[in-house]
Amino acid sequence: MFTIEHEFDATIVTLMDEADAPLKEDVIIHAFEDCVTVTQYDPRLKEDRVVTLSLTQLRDLGAALDLPEGVYQLREEAEKT
């Protein structure tokens, strides 16, 4: 299950684990104009862990999910005239 909220400066997606136990903590994704943060509470450390991705890293991650093992570099398509 997930939720989507639109706020003034970000879109927030929360992913909730509905798989078999043991369940993981919710993952909260904040999409800002210039970056995306992924936050998850770590119960062992009793604190949130945050990862910040640039928009280029996010684009590459999205592409990587559909590709086989290997090394890749995405390039912009040349404008068609």
C-alpha atoms as a PDB file:
ATOM      1  CA  MET A   1       0.000   0.000   0.000  1.00  0.00           C
ATOM      2  CA  PHE A   2       1.171   3.547  -0.587  1.00  0.00           C
ATOM      3  CA  THR A   3      -0.011   7.122  -0.213  1.00  0.00           C
ATOM      4  CA  ILE A   4       0.713  10.240  -2.274  1.00  0.00           C
ATOM      5  CA  GLU A   5       0.510  13.773  -0.863  1.00  0.00           C
ATOM      6  CA  HIS A   6       1.227  17.048  -2.649  1.00  0.00           C
ATOM      7  CA  GLU A   7       2.647  19.820  -0.485  1.00  0.00           C
ATOM      8  CA  PHE A   8       3.909  23.294  -1.338  1.00  0.00           C
ATOM      9  CA  ASP A   9       7.526  22.321  -2.087  1.00  0.00           C
ATOM     10  CA  ALA A  10       7.417  18.530  -2.487  1.00  0.00           C
ATOM     11  CA  THR A  11       5.431  15.466  -3.424  1.00  0.00           C
ATOM     12  CA  ILE A  12       5.524  12.848  -0.668  1.00  0.00           C
ATOM     13  CA  VAL A  13       5.073   9.133  -1.336  1.00  0.00           C
ATOM     14  CA  THR A  14       4.869   6.747   1.623  1.00  0.00           C
ATOM     15  CA  LEU A  15       5.352   3.018   0.980  1.00  0.00           C
ATOM     16  CA  MET A  16       3.986   0.633   3.610  1.00  0.00           C
ATOM     17  CA  ASP A  17       5.212  -2.962   3.864  1.00  0.00           C
ATOM     18  CA  GLU A  18       2.336  -5.413   3.555  1.00  0.00           C
ATOM     19  CA  ALA A  19       4.436  -8.524   2.939  1.00  0.00           C
ATOM     20  CA  ASP A  20       4.777 -11.459   5.304  1.00  0.00           C
ATOM     21  CA  ALA A  21       6.419 -10.818   8.684  1.00  0.00           C
ATOM     22  CA  PRO A  22       8.886  -9.500   9.604  1.00  0.00           C
ATOM     23  CA  LEU A  23       7.578  -6.219   8.253  1.00  0.00           C
ATOM     24  CA  LYS A  24       9.905  -3.303   7.495  1.00  0.00           C
ATOM     25  CA  GLU A  25       9.317   0.304   8.534  1.00  0.00           C
ATOM     26  CA  ASP A  26       7.529   2.676   6.144  1.00  0.00           C
ATOM     27  CA  VAL A  27       9.627   4.261   3.398  1.00  0.00           C
ATOM     28  CA  ILE A  28       8.954   7.975   2.821  1.00  0.00           C
ATOM     29  CA  ILE A  29      10.017   9.584  -0.451  1.00  0.00           C
ATOM     30  CA  HIS A  30      10.129  13.384  -0.761  1.00  0.00           C
ATOM     31  CA  ALA A  31      10.373  14.611  -4.374  1.00  0.00           C
ATOM     32  CA  PHE A  32      11.714  18.170  -4.436  1.00  0.00           C
ATOM     33  CA  GLU A  33      12.552  20.404  -7.408  1.00  0.00           C
ATOM     34  CA  ASP A  34      16.257  19.459  -7.379  1.00  0.00           C
ATOM     35  CA  CYS A  35      16.517  16.142  -5.498  1.00  0.00           C
ATOM     36  CA  VAL A  36      14.680  13.208  -3.979  1.00  0.00           C
ATOM     37  CA  THR A  37      15.107  11.980  -0.404  1.00  0.00           C
ATOM     38  CA  VAL A  38      14.300   8.472   0.794  1.00  0.00           C
ATOM     39  CA  THR A  39      13.733   8.122   4.563  1.00  0.00           C
ATOM     40  CA  GLN A  40      13.195   5.025   6.672  1.00  0.00           C
ATOM     41  CA  TYR A  41      13.145   4.682  10.456  1.00  0.00           C
ATOM     42  CA  ASP A  42      15.868   2.365  11.806  1.00  0.00           C
ATOM     43  CA  PRO A  43      14.554   0.756  15.015  1.00  0.00           C
ATOM     44  CA  ARG A  44      18.021  -0.523  15.976  1.00  0.00           C
ATOM     45  CA  LEU A  45      19.471   2.992  16.016  1.00  0.00           C
ATOM     46  CA  LYS A  46      16.150   4.638  16.937  1.00  0.00           C
ATOM     47  CA  GLU A  47      16.567   7.289  14.236  1.00  0.00           C
ATOM     48  CA  ASP A  48      15.581   8.040  10.664  1.00  0.00           C
ATOM     49  CA  ARG A  49      18.053   7.127   7.942  1.00  0.00           C
ATOM     50  CA  VAL A  50      17.984   9.476   4.922  1.00  0.00           C
ATOM     51  CA  VAL A  51      19.416   9.002   1.425  1.00  0.00           C
ATOM     52  CA  THR A  52      19.460  11.955  -1.000  1.00  0.00           C
ATOM     53  CA  LEU A  53      19.468  11.324  -4.760  1.00  0.00           C
ATOM     54  CA  SER A  54      20.038  13.886  -7.482  1.00  0.00           C
ATOM     55  CA  LEU A  55      17.502  13.863 -10.313  1.00  0.00           C
ATOM     56  CA  THR A  56      20.160  12.261 -12.546  1.00  0.00           C
ATOM     57  CA  GLN A  57      20.697   9.462 -10.018  1.00  0.00           C
ATOM     58  CA  LEU A  58      16.942   8.936  -9.791  1.00  0.00           C
ATOM     59  CA  ARG A  59      16.662   8.722 -13.583  1.00  0.00           C
ATOM     60  CA  ASP A  60      19.507   6.194 -13.670  1.00  0.00           C
ATOM     61  CA  LEU A  61      17.903   4.134 -10.889  1.00  0.00           C
ATOM     62  CA  GLY A  62      14.627   4.001 -12.782  1.00  0.00           C
ATOM     63  CA  ALA A  63      16.417   2.824 -15.930  1.00  0.00           C
ATOM     64  CA  ALA A  64      18.503   0.273 -14.001  1.00  0.00           C
ATOM     65  CA  LEU A  65      15.427  -1.493 -12.679  1.00  0.00           C
ATOM     66  CA  ASP A  66      14.613  -2.685 -16.222  1.00  0.00           C
ATOM     67  CA  LEU A  67      18.122  -3.611 -17.450  1.00  0.00           C
ATOM     68  CA  PRO A  68      20.236  -6.759 -17.150  1.00  0.00           C
ATOM     69  CA  GLU A  69      23.544  -6.823 -15.263  1.00  0.00           C
ATOM     70  CA  GLY A  70      26.184  -4.527 -16.784  1.00  0.00           C
ATOM     71  CA  VAL A  71      27.596  -0.993 -16.881  1.00  0.00           C
ATOM     72  CA  TYR A  72      25.528   1.702 -18.569  1.00  0.00           C
ATOM     73  CA  GLN A  73      25.494   5.435 -19.245  1.00  0.00           C
ATOM     74  CA  LEU A  74      22.280   7.167 -20.247  1.00  0.00           C
ATOM     75  CA  ARG A  75      22.551   9.854 -22.888  1.00  0.00           C
ATOM     76  CA  GLU A  76      20.057  12.448 -24.053  1.00  0.00           C
ATOM     77  CA  GLU A  77      18.635  11.763 -27.509  1.00  0.00           C
ATOM     78  CA  ALA A  78      19.746  14.198 -30.187  1.00  0.00           C
ATOM     79  CA  GLU A  79      16.999  16.580 -31.261  1.00  0.00           C
ATOM     80  CA  LYS A  80      15.294  15.467 -34.447  1.00  0.00           C
ATOM     81  CA  THR A  81      15.073  18.107 -37.156  1.00  0.00           C
END
